[in-house]
Each structure stands twice: as C-alpha cells, then as structure tokens.
Amino acid sequence: MLNRWIKIRHLFAVGAVLACAACGGAATQWTKPGASAKQLEQDLEACNQTAAQFGAAPYFDPRRGQIISGSQDASQARAACMMGRGWTLVP
C-alpha cells in the first residue's frame, strides 16, 4: 500500500512540474542545492538517454480515449528521472 502512495505522489509531482512548465512565458531551469553545472549536464544527458526509450510510436490510451504521442511520454520520463536524481524545475 505504501508503494502505491509513493507512486501516486511521484505522478502528482511530475504532473505539477509539467503543468508549471506549460504555463509558458517564464524560462524554467533545473536546480539542486550544492550541484554544479557539470552535474546538471551529466544528469540531463543520462535522463535524456532514459527518456529516449519512451520516444516510441504514438499509442491509443483507452483511459483517455485518445492517441498519446511518444514525445510527451519522453518528456514526462525525463522530468521523472531528473526529480528522481534530486533536481527541481523552477521558473
């Protein structure tokens, strides 16, 4: 049961980050206390490689009743990876 709540909380966090990023106008950046620019670059590269696995062809999501693009899944995977590494996306 605890594992389920962790997953739900993680999905909520990813959704919040993506919603903030979609607001537009303000530039956003990844921040992590005590992290260097080199660490950011390394983590982004690793997360981009992980996210590339989710860049598959679009698929039909019966829960939403619509076709979901692989690029959106890749973006969510990238954000989840970065947050998993302790990064926060801020305006």
PDB file of N, CA and C in Angstrom:
ATOM      1  N   MET A   1       0.828  -1.197   0.000  1.00  0.00           N
ATOM      2  CA  MET A   1       0.000   0.000   0.000  1.00  0.00           C
ATOM      3  C   MET A   1       0.870   1.258   0.000  1.00  0.00           C
ATOM      4  N   LEU A   2       1.940   1.255   0.799  1.00  0.00           N
ATOM      5  CA  LEU A   2       2.840   2.400   0.859  1.00  0.00           C
ATOM      6  C   LEU A   2       3.481   2.650  -0.501  1.00  0.00           C
ATOM      7  N   ASN A   3       3.861   1.587  -1.175  1.00  0.00           N
ATOM      8  CA  ASN A   3       4.469   1.709  -2.502  1.00  0.00           C
ATOM      9  C   ASN A   3       3.501   2.387  -3.470  1.00  0.00           C
ATOM     10  N   ARG A   4       2.227   2.078  -3.366  1.00  0.00           N
ATOM     11  CA  ARG A   4       1.223   2.688  -4.233  1.00  0.00           C
ATOM     12  C   ARG A   4       1.136   4.190  -3.982  1.00  0.00           C
ATOM     13  N   TRP A   5       1.170   4.609  -2.720  1.00  0.00           N
ATOM     14  CA  TRP A   5       1.096   6.029  -2.394  1.00  0.00           C
ATOM     15  C   TRP A   5       2.339   6.770  -2.880  1.00  0.00           C
ATOM     16  N   ILE A   6       3.472   6.114  -2.832  1.00  0.00           N
ATOM     17  CA  ILE A   6       4.698   6.730  -3.334  1.00  0.00           C
ATOM     18  C   ILE A   6       4.571   6.972  -4.836  1.00  0.00           C
ATOM     19  N   LYS A   7       4.049   5.980  -5.554  1.00  0.00           N
ATOM     20  CA  LYS A   7       3.861   6.135  -6.996  1.00  0.00           C
ATOM     21  C   LYS A   7       2.875   7.251  -7.316  1.00  0.00           C
ATOM     22  N   ILE A   8       1.785   7.316  -6.567  1.00  0.00           N
ATOM     23  CA  ILE A   8       0.780   8.355  -6.787  1.00  0.00           C
ATOM     24  C   ILE A   8       1.386   9.728  -6.522  1.00  0.00           C
ATOM     25  N   ARG A   9       2.139   9.848  -5.441  1.00  0.00           N
ATOM     26  CA  ARG A   9       2.778  11.116  -5.106  1.00  0.00           C
ATOM     27  C   ARG A   9       3.781  11.520  -6.192  1.00  0.00           C
ATOM     28  N   HIS A  10       4.517  10.538  -6.689  1.00  0.00           N
ATOM     29  CA  HIS A  10       5.503  10.810  -7.739  1.00  0.00           C
ATOM     30  C   HIS A  10       4.814  11.283  -9.011  1.00  0.00           C
ATOM     31  N   LEU A  11       3.722  10.635  -9.393  1.00  0.00           N
ATOM     32  CA  LEU A  11       2.979  11.050 -10.584  1.00  0.00           C
ATOM     33  C   LEU A  11       2.401  12.449 -10.418  1.00  0.00           C
ATOM     34  N   PHE A  12       1.934  12.748  -9.220  1.00  0.00           N
ATOM     35  CA  PHE A  12       1.408  14.088  -8.958  1.00  0.00           C
ATOM     36  C   PHE A  12       2.509  15.130  -9.112  1.00  0.00           C
ATOM     37  N   ALA A  13       3.698  14.828  -8.609  1.00  0.00           N
ATOM     38  CA  ALA A  13       4.824  15.755  -8.711  1.00  0.00           C
ATOM     39  C   ALA A  13       5.212  15.982 -10.169  1.00  0.00           C
ATOM     40  N   VAL A  14       5.258  14.909 -10.948  1.00  0.00           N
ATOM     41  CA  VAL A  14       5.586  15.034 -12.372  1.00  0.00           C
ATOM     42  C   VAL A  14       4.534  15.885 -13.069  1.00  0.00           C
ATOM     43  N   GLY A  15       3.276  15.648 -12.757  1.00  0.00           N
ATOM     44  CA  GLY A  15       2.195  16.437 -13.353  1.00  0.00           C
ATOM     45  C   GLY A  15       2.297  17.908 -12.986  1.00  0.00           C
ATOM     46  N   ALA A  16       2.640  18.192 -11.748  1.00  0.00           N
ATOM     47  CA  ALA A  16       2.781  19.578 -11.308  1.00  0.00           C
ATOM     48  C   ALA A  16       3.926  20.266 -12.030  1.00  0.00           C
ATOM     49  N   VAL A  17       5.032  19.553 -12.184  1.00  0.00           N
ATOM     50  CA  VAL A  17       6.180  20.124 -12.886  1.00  0.00           C
ATOM     51  C   VAL A  17       5.821  20.406 -14.339  1.00  0.00           C
ATOM     52  N   LEU A  18       5.154  19.457 -14.984  1.00  0.00           N
ATOM     53  CA  LEU A  18       4.779  19.651 -16.383  1.00  0.00           C
ATOM     54  C   LEU A  18       3.759  20.765 -16.534  1.00  0.00           C
ATOM     55  N   ALA A  19       2.841  20.874 -15.585  1.00  0.00           N
ATOM     56  CA  ALA A  19       1.848  21.949 -15.645  1.00  0.00           C
ATOM     57  C   ALA A  19       2.520  23.304 -15.509  1.00  0.00           C
ATOM     58  N   CYS A  20       3.481  23.398 -14.610  1.00  0.00           N
ATOM     59  CA  CYS A  20       4.209  24.661 -14.442  1.00  0.00           C
ATOM     60  C   CYS A  20       5.021  24.986 -15.685  1.00  0.00           C
ATOM     61  N   ALA A  21       5.625  23.983 -16.262  1.00  0.00           N
ATOM     62  CA  ALA A  21       6.433  24.193 -17.458  1.00  0.00           C
ATOM     63  C   ALA A  21       5.573  24.627 -18.633  1.00  0.00           C
ATOM     64  N   ALA A  22       4.325  24.174 -18.666  1.00  0.00           N
ATOM     65  CA  ALA A  22       3.420  24.502 -19.765  1.00  0.00           C
ATOM     66  C   ALA A  22       2.855  25.912 -19.658  1.00  0.00           C
ATOM     67  N   CYS A  23       3.033  26.555 -18.521  1.00  0.00           N
ATOM     68  CA  CYS A  23       2.494  27.899 -18.335  1.00  0.00           C
ATOM     69  C   CYS A  23       3.088  28.884 -19.319  1.00  0.00           C
ATOM     70  N   GLY A  24       4.291  28.622 -19.756  1.00  0.00           N
ATOM     71  CA  GLY A  24       4.929  29.474 -20.753  1.00  0.00           C
ATOM     72  C   GLY A  24       5.359  30.802 -20.180  1.00  0.00           C
ATOM     73  N   GLY A  25       5.931  31.618 -21.032  1.00  0.00           N
ATOM     74  CA  GLY A  25       6.354  32.937 -20.604  1.00  0.00           C
ATOM     75  C   GLY A  25       7.672  32.918 -19.855  1.00  0.00           C
ATOM     76  N   ALA A  26       7.689  32.352 -18.701  1.00  0.00           N
ATOM     77  CA  ALA A  26       8.895  32.341 -17.875  1.00  0.00           C
ATOM     78  C   ALA A  26       9.779  31.152 -18.238  1.00  0.00           C
ATOM     79  N   ALA A  27      11.057  31.428 -18.336  1.00  0.00           N
ATOM     80  CA  ALA A  27      12.015  30.347 -18.592  1.00  0.00           C
ATOM     81  C   ALA A  27      12.156  29.518 -17.314  1.00  0.00           C
ATOM     82  N   THR A  28      12.312  28.233 -17.467  1.00  0.00           N
ATOM     83  CA  THR A  28      12.480  27.361 -16.318  1.00  0.00           C
ATOM     84  C   THR A  28      13.858  26.723 -16.372  1.00  0.00           C
ATOM     85  N   GLN A  29      14.337  26.322 -15.210  1.00  0.00           N
ATOM     86  CA  GLN A  29      15.628  25.660 -15.157  1.00  0.00           C
ATOM     87  C   GLN A  29      15.635  24.643 -14.024  1.00  0.00           C
ATOM     88  N   TRP A  30      16.500  23.663 -14.165  1.00  0.00           N
ATOM     89  CA  TRP A  30      16.657  22.639 -13.141  1.00  0.00           C
ATOM     90  C   TRP A  30      17.616  23.152 -12.076  1.00  0.00           C
ATOM     91  N   THR A  31      17.250  22.991 -10.809  1.00  0.00           N
ATOM     92  CA  THR A  31      18.117  23.387  -9.710  1.00  0.00           C
ATOM     93  C   THR A  31      18.228  22.246  -8.710  1.00  0.00           C
ATOM     94  N   LYS A  32      19.381  22.214  -8.041  1.00  0.00           N
ATOM     95  CA  LYS A  32      19.635  21.223  -6.998  1.00  0.00           C
ATOM     96  C   LYS A  32      20.661  21.831  -6.056  1.00  0.00           C
ATOM     97  N   PRO A  33      20.327  21.955  -4.782  1.00  0.00           N
ATOM     98  CA  PRO A  33      21.262  22.569  -3.844  1.00  0.00           C
ATOM     99  C   PRO A  33      22.630  21.875  -3.871  1.00  0.00           C
ATOM    100  N   GLY A  34      23.670  22.678  -4.018  1.00  0.00           N
ATOM    101  CA  GLY A  34      25.028  22.167  -3.989  1.00  0.00           C
ATOM    102  C   GLY A  34      25.510  21.505  -5.269  1.00  0.00           C
ATOM    103  N   ALA A  35      24.680  21.460  -6.292  1.00  0.00           N
ATOM    104  CA  ALA A  35      25.061  20.794  -7.539  1.00  0.00           C
ATOM    105  C   ALA A  35      25.773  21.778  -8.470  1.00  0.00           C
ATOM    106  N   SER A  36      26.697  21.248  -9.232  1.00  0.00           N
ATOM    107  CA  SER A  36      27.439  22.067 -10.193  1.00  0.00           C
ATOM    108  C   SER A  36      26.774  22.001 -11.566  1.00  0.00           C
ATOM    109  N   ALA A  37      27.213  22.885 -12.452  1.00  0.00           N
ATOM    110  CA  ALA A  37      26.715  22.886 -13.825  1.00  0.00           C
ATOM    111  C   ALA A  37      27.095  21.577 -14.521  1.00  0.00           C
ATOM    112  N   LYS A  38      28.253  21.032 -14.180  1.00  0.00           N
ATOM    113  CA  LYS A  38      28.689  19.759 -14.769  1.00  0.00           C
ATOM    114  C   LYS A  38      27.774  18.614 -14.329  1.00  0.00           C
ATOM    115  N   GLN A  39      27.361  18.619 -13.049  1.00  0.00           N
ATOM    116  CA  GLN A  39      26.424  17.596 -12.573  1.00  0.00           C
ATOM    117  C   GLN A  39      25.089  17.701 -13.297  1.00  0.00           C
ATOM    118  N   LEU A  40      24.626  18.934 -13.506  1.00  0.00           N
ATOM    119  CA  LEU A  40      23.381  19.135 -14.249  1.00  0.00           C
ATOM    120  C   LEU A  40      23.510  18.572 -15.654  1.00  0.00           C
ATOM    121  N   GLU A  41      24.603  18.882 -16.312  1.00  0.00           N
ATOM    122  CA  GLU A  41      24.829  18.394 -17.675  1.00  0.00           C
ATOM    123  C   GLU A  41      24.851  16.862 -17.722  1.00  0.00           C
ATOM    124  N   GLN A  42      25.535  16.244 -16.764  1.00  0.00           N
ATOM    125  CA  GLN A  42      25.624  14.780 -16.730  1.00  0.00           C
ATOM    126  C   GLN A  42      24.258  14.144 -16.467  1.00  0.00           C
ATOM    127  N   ASP A  43      23.516  14.706 -15.504  1.00  0.00           N
ATOM    128  CA  ASP A  43      22.199  14.150 -15.196  1.00  0.00           C
ATOM    129  C   ASP A  43      21.222  14.350 -16.350  1.00  0.00           C
ATOM    130  N   LEU A  44      21.273  15.517 -16.997  1.00  0.00           N
ATOM    131  CA  LEU A  44      20.403  15.738 -18.154  1.00  0.00           C
ATOM    132  C   LEU A  44      20.707  14.743 -19.266  1.00  0.00           C
ATOM    133  N   GLU A  45      21.980  14.500 -19.516  1.00  0.00           N
ATOM    134  CA  GLU A  45      22.368  13.542 -20.557  1.00  0.00           C
ATOM    135  C   GLU A  45      21.854  12.143 -20.221  1.00  0.00           C
ATOM    136  N   ALA A  46      22.044  11.730 -18.969  1.00  0.00           N
ATOM    137  CA  ALA A  46      21.572  10.404 -18.554  1.00  0.00           C
ATOM    138  C   ALA A  46      20.049  10.305 -18.655  1.00  0.00           C
ATOM    139  N   CYS A  47      19.352  11.356 -18.238  1.00  0.00           N
ATOM    140  CA  CYS A  47      17.886  11.340 -18.283  1.00  0.00           C
ATOM    141  C   CYS A  47      17.374  11.426 -19.718  1.00  0.00           C
ATOM    142  N   ASN A  48      18.089  12.132 -20.588  1.00  0.00           N
ATOM    143  CA  ASN A  48      17.701  12.167 -21.998  1.00  0.00           C
ATOM    144  C   ASN A  48      17.830  10.785 -22.627  1.00  0.00           C
ATOM    145  N   GLN A  49      18.868  10.058 -22.252  1.00  0.00           N
ATOM    146  CA  GLN A  49      19.039   8.698 -22.768  1.00  0.00           C
ATOM    147  C   GLN A  49      17.931   7.785 -22.260  1.00  0.00           C
ATOM    148  N   THR A  50      17.574   7.947 -20.992  1.00  0.00           N
ATOM    149  CA  THR A  50      16.469   7.152 -20.426  1.00  0.00           C
ATOM    150  C   THR A  50      15.162   7.508 -21.118  1.00  0.00           C
ATOM    151  N   ALA A  51      14.928   8.803 -21.312  1.00  0.00           N
ATOM    152  CA  ALA A  51      13.685   9.264 -21.929  1.00  0.00           C
ATOM    153  C   ALA A  51      13.572   8.832 -23.387  1.00  0.00           C
ATOM    154  N   ALA A  52      14.714   8.668 -24.054  1.00  0.00           N
ATOM    155  CA  ALA A  52      14.696   8.257 -25.463  1.00  0.00           C
ATOM    156  C   ALA A  52      14.019   6.897 -25.637  1.00  0.00           C
ATOM    157  N   GLN A  53      14.042   6.090 -24.607  1.00  0.00           N
ATOM    158  CA  GLN A  53      13.382   4.783 -24.664  1.00  0.00           C
ATOM    159  C   GLN A  53      11.868   4.940 -24.738  1.00  0.00           C
ATOM    160  N   PHE A  54      11.359   6.087 -24.298  1.00  0.00           N
ATOM    161  CA  PHE A  54       9.919   6.334 -24.302  1.00  0.00           C
ATOM    162  C   PHE A  54       9.479   7.104 -25.531  1.00  0.00           C
ATOM    163  N   GLY A  55      10.385   7.339 -26.459  1.00  0.00           N
ATOM    164  CA  GLY A  55      10.050   8.087 -27.658  1.00  0.00           C
ATOM    165  C   GLY A  55       9.484   7.207 -28.753  1.00  0.00           C
ATOM    166  N   ALA A  56       8.818   6.160 -28.373  1.00  0.00           N
ATOM    167  CA  ALA A  56       8.261   5.206 -29.333  1.00  0.00           C
ATOM    168  C   ALA A  56       7.082   5.819 -30.091  1.00  0.00           C
ATOM    169  N   ALA A  57       6.549   5.046 -30.975  1.00  0.00           N
ATOM    170  CA  ALA A  57       5.411   5.477 -31.787  1.00  0.00           C
ATOM    171  C   ALA A  57       4.214   5.799 -30.898  1.00  0.00           C
ATOM    172  N   PRO A  58       3.342   6.683 -31.358  1.00  0.00           N
ATOM    173  CA  PRO A  58       2.128   7.008 -30.600  1.00  0.00           C
ATOM    174  C   PRO A  58       1.288   5.761 -30.353  1.00  0.00           C
ATOM    175  N   TYR A  59       0.517   5.793 -29.283  1.00  0.00           N
ATOM    176  CA  TYR A  59      -0.334   4.663 -28.935  1.00  0.00           C
ATOM    177  C   TYR A  59      -1.685   5.171 -28.441  1.00  0.00           C
ATOM    178  N   PHE A  60      -2.677   4.298 -28.464  1.00  0.00           N
ATOM    179  CA  PHE A  60      -4.020   4.657 -28.013  1.00  0.00           C
ATOM    180  C   PHE A  60      -4.153   4.374 -26.524  1.00  0.00           C
ATOM    181  N   ASP A  61      -4.568   5.377 -25.755  1.00  0.00           N
ATOM    182  CA  ASP A  61      -4.798   5.228 -24.318  1.00  0.00           C
ATOM    183  C   ASP A  61      -6.302   5.129 -24.092  1.00  0.00           C
ATOM    184  N   PRO A  62      -6.797   3.937 -23.773  1.00  0.00           N
ATOM    185  CA  PRO A  62      -8.249   3.776 -23.615  1.00  0.00           C
ATOM    186  C   PRO A  62      -8.816   4.559 -22.434  1.00  0.00           C
ATOM    187  N   ARG A  63      -8.002   4.867 -21.428  1.00  0.00           N
ATOM    188  CA  ARG A  63      -8.493   5.644 -20.281  1.00  0.00           C
ATOM    189  C   ARG A  63      -8.831   7.066 -20.700  1.00  0.00           C
ATOM    190  N   ARG A  64      -8.042   7.629 -21.588  1.00  0.00           N
ATOM    191  CA  ARG A  64      -8.272   8.993 -22.058  1.00  0.00           C
ATOM    192  C   ARG A  64      -9.120   9.022 -23.323  1.00  0.00           C
ATOM    193  N   GLY A  65      -9.157   7.892 -24.020  1.00  0.00           N
ATOM    194  CA  GLY A  65      -9.881   7.829 -25.276  1.00  0.00           C
ATOM    195  C   GLY A  65      -9.200   8.605 -26.373  1.00  0.00           C
ATOM    196  N   GLN A  66      -7.866   8.678 -26.306  1.00  0.00           N
ATOM    197  CA  GLN A  66      -7.141   9.435 -27.314  1.00  0.00           C
ATOM    198  C   GLN A  66      -5.781   8.800 -27.596  1.00  0.00           C
ATOM    199  N   ILE A  67      -5.182   9.276 -28.672  1.00  0.00           N
ATOM    200  CA  ILE A  67      -3.860   8.798 -29.050  1.00  0.00           C
ATOM    201  C   ILE A  67      -2.824   9.645 -28.322  1.00  0.00           C
ATOM    202  N   ILE A  68      -1.858   8.983 -27.713  1.00  0.00           N
ATOM    203  CA  ILE A  68      -0.809   9.653 -26.950  1.00  0.00           C
ATOM    204  C   ILE A  68       0.483   9.593 -27.753  1.00  0.00           C
ATOM    205  N   SER A  69       1.155  10.742 -27.863  1.00  0.00           N
ATOM    206  CA  SER A  69       2.395  10.777 -28.628  1.00  0.00           C
ATOM    207  C   SER A  69       3.557  10.305 -27.775  1.00  0.00           C
ATOM    208  N   GLY A  70       4.513   9.673 -28.407  1.00  0.00           N
ATOM    209  CA  GLY A  70       5.690   9.195 -27.706  1.00  0.00           C
ATOM    210  C   GLY A  70       6.523  10.321 -27.140  1.00  0.00           C
ATOM    211  N   SER A  71       6.527  11.500 -27.794  1.00  0.00           N
ATOM    212  CA  SER A  71       7.352  12.606 -27.316  1.00  0.00           C
ATOM    213  C   SER A  71       6.871  13.124 -25.965  1.00  0.00           C
ATOM    214  N   GLN A  72       5.584  13.096 -25.723  1.00  0.00           N
ATOM    215  CA  GLN A  72       5.057  13.532 -24.435  1.00  0.00           C
ATOM    216  C   GLN A  72       5.509  12.562 -23.348  1.00  0.00           C
ATOM    217  N   ASP A  73       5.478  11.281 -23.651  1.00  0.00           N
ATOM    218  CA  ASP A  73       5.935  10.286 -22.693  1.00  0.00           C
ATOM    219  C   ASP A  73       7.413  10.478 -22.395  1.00  0.00           C
ATOM    220  N   ALA A  74       8.197  10.821 -23.403  1.00  0.00           N
ATOM    221  CA  ALA A  74       9.626  11.056 -23.217  1.00  0.00           C
ATOM    222  C   ALA A  74       9.845  12.261 -22.308  1.00  0.00           C
ATOM    223  N   SER A  75       9.052  13.308 -22.494  1.00  0.00           N
ATOM    224  CA  SER A  75       9.175  14.498 -21.655  1.00  0.00           C
ATOM    225  C   SER A  75       8.860  14.175 -20.197  1.00  0.00           C
ATOM    226  N   GLN A  76       7.820  13.397 -19.983  1.00  0.00           N
ATOM    227  CA  GLN A  76       7.462  13.001 -18.625  1.00  0.00           C
ATOM    228  C   GLN A  76       8.533  12.101 -18.019  1.00  0.00           C
ATOM    229  N   ALA A  77       9.074  11.206 -18.805  1.00  0.00           N
ATOM    230  CA  ALA A  77      10.128  10.320 -18.322  1.00  0.00           C
ATOM    231  C   ALA A  77      11.374  11.119 -17.952  1.00  0.00           C
ATOM    232  N   ARG A  78      11.710  12.127 -18.763  1.00  0.00           N
ATOM    233  CA  ARG A  78      12.864  12.978 -18.479  1.00  0.00           C
ATOM    234  C   ARG A  78      12.661  13.729 -17.164  1.00  0.00           C
ATOM    235  N   ALA A  79      11.481  14.311 -16.982  1.00  0.00           N
ATOM    236  CA  ALA A  79      11.182  15.054 -15.755  1.00  0.00           C
ATOM    237  C   ALA A  79      11.221  14.133 -14.540  1.00  0.00           C
ATOM    238  N   ALA A  80      10.647  12.947 -14.658  1.00  0.00           N
ATOM    239  CA  ALA A  80      10.649  11.996 -13.543  1.00  0.00           C
ATOM    240  C   ALA A  80      12.071  11.572 -13.200  1.00  0.00           C
ATOM    241  N   CYS A  81      12.896  11.367 -14.205  1.00  0.00           N
ATOM    242  CA  CYS A  81      14.290  10.987 -13.993  1.00  0.00           C
ATOM    243  C   CYS A  81      15.034  12.088 -13.250  1.00  0.00           C
ATOM    244  N   MET A  82      14.869  13.324 -13.692  1.00  0.00           N
ATOM    245  CA  MET A  82      15.572  14.434 -13.055  1.00  0.00           C
ATOM    246  C   MET A  82      15.119  14.622 -11.608  1.00  0.00           C
ATOM    247  N   MET A  83      13.822  14.516 -11.361  1.00  0.00           N
ATOM    248  CA  MET A  83      13.324  14.644  -9.986  1.00  0.00           C
ATOM    249  C   MET A  83      13.815  13.485  -9.130  1.00  0.00           C
ATOM    250  N   GLY A  84      13.920  12.314  -9.724  1.00  0.00           N
ATOM    251  CA  GLY A  84      14.450  11.168  -9.003  1.00  0.00           C
ATOM    252  C   GLY A  84      15.899  11.354  -8.605  1.00  0.00           C
ATOM    253  N   ARG A  85      16.602  12.196  -9.321  1.00  0.00           N
ATOM    254  CA  ARG A  85      18.010  12.489  -9.023  1.00  0.00           C
ATOM    255  C   ARG A  85      18.150  13.706  -8.106  1.00  0.00           C
ATOM    256  N   GLY A  86      17.002  14.237  -7.646  1.00  0.00           N
ATOM    257  CA  GLY A  86      17.028  15.335  -6.680  1.00  0.00           C
ATOM    258  C   GLY A  86      16.907  16.731  -7.254  1.00  0.00           C
ATOM    259  N   TRP A  87      16.643  16.849  -8.542  1.00  0.00           N
ATOM    260  CA  TRP A  87      16.525  18.151  -9.190  1.00  0.00           C
ATOM    261  C   TRP A  87      15.097  18.683  -9.095  1.00  0.00           C
ATOM    262  N   THR A  88      14.953  19.991  -9.108  1.00  0.00           N
ATOM    263  CA  THR A  88      13.654  20.654  -9.088  1.00  0.00           C
ATOM    264  C   THR A  88      13.601  21.632 -10.245  1.00  0.00           C
ATOM    265  N   LEU A  89      12.486  21.683 -10.946  1.00  0.00           N
ATOM    266  CA  LEU A  89      12.307  22.609 -12.058  1.00  0.00           C
ATOM    267  C   LEU A  89      11.647  23.884 -11.523  1.00  0.00           C
ATOM    268  N   VAL A  90      12.341  25.023 -11.699  1.00  0.00           N
ATOM    269  CA  VAL A  90      11.829  26.284 -11.165  1.00  0.00           C
ATOM    270  C   VAL A  90      11.830  27.348 -12.272  1.00  0.00           C
ATOM    271  N   PRO A  91      10.912  28.322 -12.152  1.00  0.00           N
ATOM    272  CA  PRO A  91      10.875  29.419 -13.132  1.00  0.00           C
ATOM    273  C   PRO A  91      12.032  30.383 -12.932  1.00  0.00           C
TER     274      PRO A  91
END
